[in-house]
């Protein structure tokens, strides 16, 4: 009788080690989203290092079903009732607003959140250009904003994504 258990265990360990390099178990930064503009939108956003990109994961509740603009904003200030204190999209290179996967875009332009019929969005996206650092090009200390409407990825300067329904500051862990 041939025993394959040691071989299978070695293969499983190698696969898990490979996965660990792609997505660390612990996020590098996190955001606690708080409601703004009279909404009930709340959630948590986590940022992970993944090679030359950043993996963004979020769970957001209180949304209307459908798509919602989702961006990193310039200022780490969510004190205004409408989150206007977060300023515009994070855009250190002075680019036009655009689609996150092609063409010119703000560094803070991310894929839309999509909420289900219960108003819950579970989100995971790999976004290039988001630097998990402080300073002029880094996102630590800046804010994340969830908007009422979808980002159309075309309208200037911010994608016509409507009211700012939730906001939170990106904190290093």
N, C-alpha and C. Protein backbone atom coordinates (compact mmCIF):
# COMPACT_ATOMS: atom_id res chain seq x y z
N UNK A 1 0.84 -1.18 0.00
CA UNK A 1 0.00 0.00 0.00
C UNK A 1 0.89 1.25 0.00
N UNK A 2 0.59 2.20 -0.89
CA UNK A 2 1.37 3.42 -1.03
C UNK A 2 0.68 4.53 -0.23
N UNK A 3 1.49 5.25 0.54
CA UNK A 3 0.94 6.34 1.35
C UNK A 3 1.26 7.67 0.67
N UNK A 4 0.22 8.38 0.27
CA UNK A 4 0.39 9.66 -0.43
C UNK A 4 0.22 10.86 0.50
N UNK A 5 -0.12 10.62 1.75
CA UNK A 5 -0.39 11.72 2.67
C UNK A 5 0.78 12.70 2.78
N UNK A 6 2.05 12.23 2.95
CA UNK A 6 3.15 13.20 3.04
C UNK A 6 3.30 14.03 1.78
N UNK A 7 3.11 13.44 0.63
CA UNK A 7 3.23 14.16 -0.64
C UNK A 7 2.11 15.19 -0.76
N UNK A 8 0.88 14.77 -0.43
CA UNK A 8 -0.26 15.69 -0.50
C UNK A 8 -0.10 16.84 0.48
N UNK A 9 0.41 16.55 1.66
CA UNK A 9 0.63 17.60 2.65
C UNK A 9 1.66 18.61 2.16
N UNK A 10 2.73 18.13 1.52
CA UNK A 10 3.76 19.03 0.98
C UNK A 10 3.19 19.91 -0.13
N UNK A 11 2.37 19.33 -0.99
CA UNK A 11 1.74 20.11 -2.07
C UNK A 11 0.81 21.16 -1.49
N UNK A 12 0.00 20.79 -0.51
CA UNK A 12 -0.92 21.74 0.13
C UNK A 12 -0.15 22.87 0.78
N UNK A 13 0.95 22.55 1.47
CA UNK A 13 1.75 23.59 2.12
C UNK A 13 2.34 24.54 1.09
N UNK A 14 2.81 24.01 -0.03
CA UNK A 14 3.38 24.86 -1.09
C UNK A 14 2.33 25.77 -1.68
N UNK A 15 1.13 25.24 -1.90
CA UNK A 15 0.06 26.07 -2.45
C UNK A 15 -0.33 27.18 -1.49
N UNK A 16 -0.45 26.85 -0.21
CA UNK A 16 -0.79 27.87 0.77
C UNK A 16 0.30 28.92 0.88
N UNK A 17 1.55 28.52 0.83
CA UNK A 17 2.65 29.48 0.89
C UNK A 17 2.60 30.41 -0.32
N UNK A 18 2.28 29.88 -1.49
CA UNK A 18 2.15 30.71 -2.70
C UNK A 18 1.03 31.70 -2.57
N UNK A 19 -0.08 31.28 -2.00
CA UNK A 19 -1.22 32.18 -1.81
C UNK A 19 -0.89 33.26 -0.79
N UNK A 20 -0.12 32.90 0.24
CA UNK A 20 0.21 33.87 1.27
C UNK A 20 1.02 35.03 0.68
N UNK A 21 1.83 34.76 -0.34
CA UNK A 21 2.61 35.82 -0.96
C UNK A 21 1.76 36.76 -1.76
N UNK A 22 0.62 36.28 -2.26
CA UNK A 22 -0.26 37.09 -3.07
C UNK A 22 -1.13 37.99 -2.20
N UNK A 23 -1.64 37.46 -1.10
CA UNK A 23 -2.56 38.21 -0.25
C UNK A 23 -2.23 37.97 1.20
N UNK A 24 -1.56 38.91 1.86
CA UNK A 24 -1.24 38.71 3.27
C UNK A 24 -2.49 38.56 4.10
N UNK A 25 -2.37 37.88 5.21
CA UNK A 25 -3.52 37.66 6.08
C UNK A 25 -3.98 38.93 6.76
N UNK A 26 -3.07 39.88 6.91
CA UNK A 26 -3.39 41.11 7.64
C UNK A 26 -3.31 42.32 6.71
N UNK A 27 -4.33 43.18 6.74
CA UNK A 27 -4.27 44.39 5.92
C UNK A 27 -3.19 45.35 6.42
N UNK A 28 -2.72 46.21 5.51
CA UNK A 28 -1.73 47.22 5.83
C UNK A 28 -2.41 48.49 6.35
N UNK A 29 -3.62 48.74 5.85
CA UNK A 29 -4.37 49.94 6.25
C UNK A 29 -5.86 49.62 6.24
N UNK A 30 -6.63 50.43 6.98
CA UNK A 30 -8.06 50.19 7.08
C UNK A 30 -8.81 51.51 7.24
N UNK A 31 -10.07 51.49 6.83
CA UNK A 31 -10.96 52.65 6.93
C UNK A 31 -12.27 52.19 7.58
N UNK A 32 -12.75 52.95 8.54
CA UNK A 32 -14.09 52.76 9.07
C UNK A 32 -14.96 53.85 8.46
N UNK A 33 -15.84 53.45 7.54
CA UNK A 33 -16.72 54.40 6.86
C UNK A 33 -17.86 54.81 7.77
N UNK A 34 -18.11 56.11 7.85
CA UNK A 34 -19.21 56.65 8.63
C UNK A 34 -20.18 57.37 7.71
N UNK A 35 -21.46 57.31 8.05
CA UNK A 35 -22.52 57.92 7.25
C UNK A 35 -22.35 59.42 7.11
N UNK A 36 -22.68 59.92 5.92
CA UNK A 36 -22.68 61.36 5.64
C UNK A 36 -23.90 61.68 4.78
N UNK A 37 -24.22 62.94 4.64
CA UNK A 37 -25.32 63.44 3.81
C UNK A 37 -26.66 62.81 4.18
N UNK A 38 -26.85 62.49 5.45
CA UNK A 38 -28.13 61.95 5.92
C UNK A 38 -28.37 60.49 5.55
N UNK A 39 -27.35 59.79 5.08
CA UNK A 39 -27.52 58.39 4.67
C UNK A 39 -27.35 57.46 5.87
N UNK A 40 -27.54 56.17 5.63
CA UNK A 40 -27.30 55.13 6.62
C UNK A 40 -26.11 54.25 6.19
N UNK A 41 -25.32 54.73 5.25
CA UNK A 41 -24.22 53.95 4.68
C UNK A 41 -23.07 53.88 5.67
N UNK A 42 -22.58 52.65 5.93
CA UNK A 42 -21.45 52.40 6.82
C UNK A 42 -20.66 51.23 6.28
N UNK A 43 -19.43 51.07 6.74
CA UNK A 43 -18.67 49.91 6.32
C UNK A 43 -17.22 49.97 6.72
N UNK A 44 -16.48 48.97 6.23
CA UNK A 44 -15.06 48.85 6.48
C UNK A 44 -14.36 48.59 5.16
N UNK A 45 -13.24 49.28 4.94
CA UNK A 45 -12.41 49.10 3.75
C UNK A 45 -11.02 48.71 4.23
N UNK A 46 -10.45 47.67 3.62
CA UNK A 46 -9.10 47.22 3.98
C UNK A 46 -8.20 47.26 2.75
N UNK A 47 -6.94 47.58 2.97
CA UNK A 47 -5.95 47.67 1.89
C UNK A 47 -4.82 46.68 2.16
N UNK A 48 -4.47 45.89 1.13
CA UNK A 48 -3.42 44.88 1.22
C UNK A 48 -2.38 45.15 0.13
N UNK A 49 -1.12 44.89 0.42
CA UNK A 49 -0.07 44.95 -0.60
C UNK A 49 -0.16 43.71 -1.47
N UNK A 50 0.01 43.88 -2.78
CA UNK A 50 -0.03 42.76 -3.73
C UNK A 50 0.88 43.08 -4.90
N UNK A 51 2.17 42.88 -4.72
CA UNK A 51 3.12 43.18 -5.80
C UNK A 51 3.13 44.67 -6.12
N UNK A 52 2.91 45.01 -7.39
CA UNK A 52 2.92 46.42 -7.80
C UNK A 52 1.53 47.06 -7.71
N UNK A 53 0.60 46.36 -7.09
CA UNK A 53 -0.76 46.88 -6.95
C UNK A 53 -1.18 46.83 -5.48
N UNK A 54 -2.35 47.34 -5.22
CA UNK A 54 -2.96 47.27 -3.90
C UNK A 54 -4.31 46.58 -4.05
N UNK A 55 -4.58 45.61 -3.19
CA UNK A 55 -5.88 44.96 -3.18
C UNK A 55 -6.75 45.72 -2.18
N UNK A 56 -7.92 46.13 -2.65
CA UNK A 56 -8.87 46.86 -1.82
C UNK A 56 -10.05 45.93 -1.58
N UNK A 57 -10.37 45.70 -0.31
CA UNK A 57 -11.54 44.89 0.05
C UNK A 57 -12.45 45.76 0.89
N UNK A 58 -13.76 45.60 0.68
CA UNK A 58 -14.71 46.40 1.45
C UNK A 58 -16.00 45.62 1.68
N UNK A 59 -16.64 45.96 2.77
CA UNK A 59 -18.00 45.51 3.02
C UNK A 59 -18.76 46.75 3.48
N UNK A 60 -19.78 47.11 2.70
CA UNK A 60 -20.52 48.35 2.94
C UNK A 60 -22.01 48.03 2.99
N UNK A 61 -22.72 48.62 3.94
CA UNK A 61 -24.17 48.40 4.08
C UNK A 61 -24.90 49.74 4.04
N UNK A 62 -26.23 49.67 3.88
CA UNK A 62 -27.06 50.86 3.88
C UNK A 62 -27.17 51.55 2.53
N UNK A 63 -26.69 50.90 1.48
CA UNK A 63 -26.71 51.47 0.13
C UNK A 63 -28.04 51.17 -0.56
N UNK A 64 -28.39 51.98 -1.56
CA UNK A 64 -29.49 51.59 -2.44
C UNK A 64 -28.91 50.53 -3.39
N UNK A 65 -29.71 49.57 -3.84
CA UNK A 65 -29.20 48.55 -4.76
C UNK A 65 -28.62 49.18 -6.03
N UNK A 66 -27.54 48.58 -6.53
CA UNK A 66 -26.90 49.07 -7.75
C UNK A 66 -25.49 49.56 -7.50
N UNK A 67 -24.96 50.31 -8.48
CA UNK A 67 -23.58 50.77 -8.44
C UNK A 67 -23.42 52.11 -7.72
N UNK A 68 -22.24 52.27 -7.11
CA UNK A 68 -21.92 53.49 -6.37
C UNK A 68 -20.46 53.86 -6.61
N UNK A 69 -20.21 55.15 -6.88
CA UNK A 69 -18.84 55.63 -7.00
C UNK A 69 -18.09 55.38 -5.71
N UNK A 70 -16.79 55.05 -5.85
CA UNK A 70 -15.96 54.65 -4.72
C UNK A 70 -14.55 55.15 -5.01
N UNK A 71 -14.07 56.11 -4.20
CA UNK A 71 -12.82 56.79 -4.52
C UNK A 71 -11.98 57.06 -3.28
N UNK A 72 -10.66 57.17 -3.51
CA UNK A 72 -9.78 57.75 -2.50
C UNK A 72 -9.79 59.25 -2.77
N UNK A 73 -10.05 60.03 -1.71
CA UNK A 73 -10.09 61.48 -1.82
C UNK A 73 -8.83 62.10 -1.21
N UNK A 74 -8.57 63.33 -1.60
CA UNK A 74 -7.33 64.04 -1.30
C UNK A 74 -7.07 64.25 0.19
N UNK A 75 -8.07 64.69 0.92
CA UNK A 75 -7.86 65.06 2.33
C UNK A 75 -8.39 63.97 3.26
N UNK A 76 -7.70 63.79 4.34
CA UNK A 76 -8.13 62.86 5.38
C UNK A 76 -9.02 63.56 6.39
N UNK A 77 -10.07 64.18 5.90
CA UNK A 77 -10.97 64.97 6.74
C UNK A 77 -12.41 64.68 6.33
N UNK A 78 -13.14 64.00 7.18
CA UNK A 78 -14.54 63.66 6.90
C UNK A 78 -15.48 64.42 7.81
N UNK A 79 -15.03 65.55 8.36
CA UNK A 79 -15.80 66.26 9.38
C UNK A 79 -17.05 66.95 8.85
N UNK A 80 -17.10 67.34 7.60
CA UNK A 80 -18.27 68.03 7.05
C UNK A 80 -19.45 67.06 6.94
N UNK A 81 -20.63 67.54 7.19
CA UNK A 81 -21.84 66.70 7.14
C UNK A 81 -22.03 66.04 5.78
N UNK A 82 -21.55 66.69 4.72
CA UNK A 82 -21.66 66.14 3.37
C UNK A 82 -20.33 65.59 2.85
N UNK A 83 -19.34 65.47 3.73
CA UNK A 83 -18.00 64.96 3.41
C UNK A 83 -17.24 65.82 2.40
N UNK A 84 -17.68 67.05 2.19
CA UNK A 84 -16.96 67.94 1.28
C UNK A 84 -15.56 68.26 1.80
N UNK A 85 -15.34 68.10 3.09
CA UNK A 85 -14.03 68.35 3.68
C UNK A 85 -12.97 67.34 3.20
N UNK A 86 -13.40 66.24 2.58
CA UNK A 86 -12.46 65.26 2.01
C UNK A 86 -11.85 65.77 0.70
N UNK A 87 -12.35 66.88 0.19
CA UNK A 87 -11.90 67.51 -1.06
C UNK A 87 -12.14 66.59 -2.25
N UNK A 88 -11.39 66.78 -3.34
CA UNK A 88 -11.59 66.02 -4.57
C UNK A 88 -10.88 64.68 -4.55
N UNK A 89 -10.99 63.95 -5.66
CA UNK A 89 -10.30 62.67 -5.80
C UNK A 89 -8.80 62.86 -5.66
N UNK A 90 -8.15 61.88 -5.05
CA UNK A 90 -6.69 61.91 -4.91
C UNK A 90 -6.08 61.82 -6.30
N UNK A 91 -5.30 62.85 -6.67
CA UNK A 91 -4.83 62.99 -8.04
C UNK A 91 -3.46 63.69 -8.08
N UNK A 92 -2.42 63.05 -7.50
CA UNK A 92 -1.13 63.74 -7.41
C UNK A 92 -0.46 64.03 -8.75
N UNK A 93 -0.82 63.31 -9.81
CA UNK A 93 -0.21 63.55 -11.12
C UNK A 93 -1.00 64.53 -11.99
N UNK A 94 -2.12 65.04 -11.50
CA UNK A 94 -2.91 66.01 -12.24
C UNK A 94 -3.56 65.45 -13.50
N UNK A 95 -4.00 64.21 -13.45
CA UNK A 95 -4.62 63.54 -14.60
C UNK A 95 -6.11 63.86 -14.66
N UNK A 96 -6.74 63.54 -15.81
CA UNK A 96 -8.19 63.63 -15.94
C UNK A 96 -8.82 62.42 -15.25
N UNK A 97 -10.07 62.58 -14.83
CA UNK A 97 -10.82 61.47 -14.25
C UNK A 97 -11.04 60.42 -15.33
N UNK A 98 -11.00 59.14 -14.95
CA UNK A 98 -11.20 58.10 -15.94
C UNK A 98 -11.43 56.74 -15.33
N UNK A 99 -11.39 55.74 -16.19
CA UNK A 99 -11.63 54.36 -15.80
C UNK A 99 -10.39 53.77 -15.14
N UNK A 100 -10.56 52.99 -14.09
CA UNK A 100 -9.47 52.44 -13.31
C UNK A 100 -8.60 51.43 -14.06
N UNK A 101 -9.08 50.84 -15.15
CA UNK A 101 -8.31 49.81 -15.86
C UNK A 101 -7.65 50.28 -17.15
N UNK A 102 -8.01 51.42 -17.66
CA UNK A 102 -7.39 51.85 -18.92
C UNK A 102 -7.43 53.37 -19.05
N UNK A 103 -6.45 53.88 -19.76
CA UNK A 103 -6.41 55.31 -20.04
C UNK A 103 -6.00 56.14 -18.84
N UNK A 104 -6.09 57.42 -19.02
CA UNK A 104 -5.74 58.39 -17.99
C UNK A 104 -6.78 58.33 -16.88
N UNK A 105 -6.30 58.47 -15.64
CA UNK A 105 -7.22 58.46 -14.49
C UNK A 105 -6.55 59.06 -13.27
N UNK A 106 -7.36 59.46 -12.31
CA UNK A 106 -6.86 59.86 -11.00
C UNK A 106 -6.36 58.61 -10.28
N UNK A 107 -5.35 58.73 -9.46
CA UNK A 107 -4.90 57.59 -8.65
C UNK A 107 -6.05 57.10 -7.78
N UNK A 108 -6.88 58.00 -7.30
CA UNK A 108 -7.99 57.63 -6.41
C UNK A 108 -9.21 57.04 -7.09
N UNK A 109 -9.22 56.92 -8.42
CA UNK A 109 -10.36 56.33 -9.14
C UNK A 109 -10.33 54.81 -8.98
N UNK A 110 -11.36 54.26 -8.37
CA UNK A 110 -11.46 52.81 -8.16
C UNK A 110 -12.74 52.30 -8.82
N UNK A 111 -12.85 50.99 -9.01
CA UNK A 111 -14.09 50.43 -9.56
C UNK A 111 -15.29 50.75 -8.65
N UNK A 112 -16.47 50.86 -9.25
CA UNK A 112 -17.68 51.10 -8.48
C UNK A 112 -17.96 49.96 -7.52
N UNK A 113 -18.58 50.31 -6.39
CA UNK A 113 -19.17 49.31 -5.50
C UNK A 113 -20.48 48.87 -6.13
N UNK A 114 -20.90 47.63 -5.93
CA UNK A 114 -22.18 47.16 -6.42
C UNK A 114 -22.95 46.57 -5.25
N UNK A 115 -24.07 47.20 -4.89
CA UNK A 115 -24.88 46.74 -3.76
C UNK A 115 -25.97 45.80 -4.24
N UNK A 116 -26.23 44.76 -3.44
CA UNK A 116 -27.29 43.80 -3.75
C UNK A 116 -28.65 44.37 -3.36
N UNK A 117 -29.68 43.57 -3.47
CA UNK A 117 -31.06 44.02 -3.19
C UNK A 117 -31.25 44.46 -1.74
N UNK A 118 -30.39 43.96 -0.83
CA UNK A 118 -30.47 44.35 0.58
C UNK A 118 -29.59 45.56 0.90
N UNK A 119 -28.94 46.13 -0.12
CA UNK A 119 -28.11 47.32 0.09
C UNK A 119 -26.73 47.02 0.63
N UNK A 120 -26.25 45.79 0.43
CA UNK A 120 -24.93 45.38 0.92
C UNK A 120 -24.00 45.16 -0.26
N UNK A 121 -22.81 45.73 -0.16
CA UNK A 121 -21.78 45.54 -1.19
C UNK A 121 -20.59 44.84 -0.55
N UNK A 122 -20.17 43.74 -1.17
CA UNK A 122 -18.93 43.05 -0.80
C UNK A 122 -18.01 43.24 -1.99
N UNK A 123 -16.84 43.79 -1.76
CA UNK A 123 -16.01 44.34 -2.82
C UNK A 123 -14.58 43.83 -2.69
N UNK A 124 -13.97 43.51 -3.82
CA UNK A 124 -12.55 43.21 -3.87
C UNK A 124 -12.04 43.62 -5.23
N UNK A 125 -11.01 44.46 -5.26
CA UNK A 125 -10.45 44.93 -6.52
C UNK A 125 -8.95 45.14 -6.35
N UNK A 126 -8.20 44.84 -7.40
CA UNK A 126 -6.78 45.13 -7.44
C UNK A 126 -6.62 46.46 -8.18
N UNK A 127 -6.02 47.43 -7.50
CA UNK A 127 -5.92 48.78 -8.05
C UNK A 127 -4.45 49.20 -8.12
N UNK A 128 -4.00 49.51 -9.31
CA UNK A 128 -2.62 49.97 -9.49
C UNK A 128 -2.52 51.45 -9.17
N UNK A 129 -1.38 51.84 -8.62
CA UNK A 129 -1.12 53.25 -8.34
C UNK A 129 -1.41 53.69 -6.92
N UNK A 130 -2.14 52.89 -6.16
CA UNK A 130 -2.41 53.25 -4.76
C UNK A 130 -1.20 52.85 -3.93
N UNK A 131 -0.47 53.82 -3.43
CA UNK A 131 0.73 53.56 -2.64
C UNK A 131 0.38 53.59 -1.16
N UNK A 132 0.63 52.49 -0.48
CA UNK A 132 0.34 52.38 0.94
C UNK A 132 1.47 53.01 1.74
N UNK A 133 1.53 54.35 1.66
CA UNK A 133 2.59 55.13 2.29
C UNK A 133 2.02 56.51 2.61
N UNK A 134 2.81 57.28 3.35
CA UNK A 134 2.46 58.69 3.59
C UNK A 134 3.18 59.53 2.53
N UNK A 135 2.95 60.81 2.56
CA UNK A 135 3.63 61.70 1.62
C UNK A 135 2.77 62.05 0.43
N UNK A 136 3.35 62.79 -0.49
CA UNK A 136 2.61 63.35 -1.63
C UNK A 136 1.94 62.29 -2.50
N UNK A 137 2.56 61.11 -2.67
CA UNK A 137 1.99 60.07 -3.53
C UNK A 137 1.29 58.96 -2.75
N UNK A 138 1.32 59.00 -1.42
CA UNK A 138 0.74 57.94 -0.61
C UNK A 138 -0.71 58.19 -0.25
N UNK A 139 -1.43 57.10 0.07
CA UNK A 139 -2.84 57.23 0.43
C UNK A 139 -3.09 57.21 1.94
N UNK A 140 -2.09 56.84 2.74
CA UNK A 140 -2.29 56.82 4.20
C UNK A 140 -2.59 58.23 4.70
N UNK A 141 -3.64 58.33 5.51
CA UNK A 141 -4.06 59.63 6.03
C UNK A 141 -5.04 60.36 5.13
N UNK A 142 -5.33 59.81 3.97
CA UNK A 142 -6.33 60.40 3.07
C UNK A 142 -7.68 59.74 3.39
N UNK A 143 -8.69 59.98 2.58
CA UNK A 143 -10.01 59.42 2.89
C UNK A 143 -10.55 58.57 1.74
N UNK A 144 -11.52 57.74 2.10
CA UNK A 144 -12.29 56.97 1.12
C UNK A 144 -13.72 57.48 1.20
N UNK A 145 -14.33 57.68 0.03
CA UNK A 145 -15.71 58.18 -0.03
C UNK A 145 -16.55 57.23 -0.88
N UNK A 146 -17.76 56.94 -0.38
CA UNK A 146 -18.77 56.19 -1.13
C UNK A 146 -19.83 57.18 -1.58
N UNK A 147 -20.17 57.14 -2.87
CA UNK A 147 -21.12 58.09 -3.45
C UNK A 147 -22.50 57.45 -3.66
N UNK A 148 -23.51 58.28 -3.85
CA UNK A 148 -24.88 57.82 -4.02
C UNK A 148 -25.13 57.17 -5.38
N UNK A 149 -24.42 57.59 -6.40
CA UNK A 149 -24.66 57.14 -7.77
C UNK A 149 -23.41 56.48 -8.35
N UNK A 150 -23.56 55.78 -9.48
CA UNK A 150 -22.38 55.18 -10.11
C UNK A 150 -21.44 56.23 -10.69
N UNK A 151 -20.17 55.91 -10.69
CA UNK A 151 -19.18 56.72 -11.40
C UNK A 151 -19.31 56.35 -12.87
N UNK A 152 -19.48 57.35 -13.74
CA UNK A 152 -19.60 57.06 -15.18
C UNK A 152 -18.23 56.97 -15.86
N UNK A 153 -17.16 57.20 -15.10
CA UNK A 153 -15.77 57.12 -15.56
C UNK A 153 -15.43 58.09 -16.69
N UNK A 154 -16.30 59.05 -16.96
CA UNK A 154 -16.07 59.99 -18.05
C UNK A 154 -16.21 61.44 -17.63
N UNK A 155 -17.30 61.78 -16.93
CA UNK A 155 -17.57 63.17 -16.57
C UNK A 155 -16.43 63.74 -15.75
N UNK A 156 -16.07 64.98 -16.04
CA UNK A 156 -14.98 65.66 -15.34
C UNK A 156 -15.58 66.63 -14.33
N UNK A 157 -15.02 66.78 -13.17
CA UNK A 157 -13.76 66.16 -12.76
C UNK A 157 -13.93 64.89 -11.94
N UNK A 158 -15.18 64.42 -11.70
CA UNK A 158 -15.33 63.36 -10.69
C UNK A 158 -16.29 62.23 -11.05
N UNK A 159 -16.70 62.10 -12.30
CA UNK A 159 -17.52 60.94 -12.69
C UNK A 159 -19.00 61.04 -12.42
N UNK A 160 -19.50 62.24 -12.03
CA UNK A 160 -20.93 62.45 -11.85
C UNK A 160 -21.55 61.43 -10.91
N UNK A 161 -20.85 61.12 -9.81
CA UNK A 161 -21.31 60.05 -8.93
C UNK A 161 -22.15 60.50 -7.74
N UNK A 162 -22.54 61.74 -7.71
CA UNK A 162 -23.54 62.19 -6.75
C UNK A 162 -23.03 62.44 -5.34
N UNK A 163 -24.00 62.52 -4.43
CA UNK A 163 -23.73 62.87 -3.03
C UNK A 163 -22.74 61.90 -2.38
N UNK A 164 -22.01 62.41 -1.43
CA UNK A 164 -21.06 61.61 -0.66
C UNK A 164 -21.81 61.00 0.52
N UNK A 165 -22.04 59.70 0.46
CA UNK A 165 -22.88 59.04 1.46
C UNK A 165 -22.12 58.47 2.64
N UNK A 166 -20.82 58.22 2.49
CA UNK A 166 -20.02 57.72 3.60
C UNK A 166 -18.59 58.16 3.37
N UNK A 167 -17.86 58.32 4.49
CA UNK A 167 -16.48 58.80 4.41
C UNK A 167 -15.71 58.24 5.61
N UNK A 168 -14.43 57.95 5.38
CA UNK A 168 -13.57 57.50 6.47
C UNK A 168 -12.12 57.75 6.10
N UNK A 169 -11.27 57.91 7.11
CA UNK A 169 -9.85 58.20 6.91
C UNK A 169 -9.07 56.90 6.87
N UNK A 170 -8.11 56.80 5.94
CA UNK A 170 -7.27 55.62 5.78
C UNK A 170 -6.20 55.63 6.86
N UNK A 171 -6.23 54.61 7.72
CA UNK A 171 -5.31 54.50 8.84
C UNK A 171 -4.37 53.32 8.66
N UNK A 172 -3.07 53.51 8.88
CA UNK A 172 -2.12 52.41 8.84
C UNK A 172 -2.38 51.50 10.03
N UNK A 173 -2.18 50.22 9.83
CA UNK A 173 -2.36 49.25 10.93
C UNK A 173 -1.02 48.80 11.47
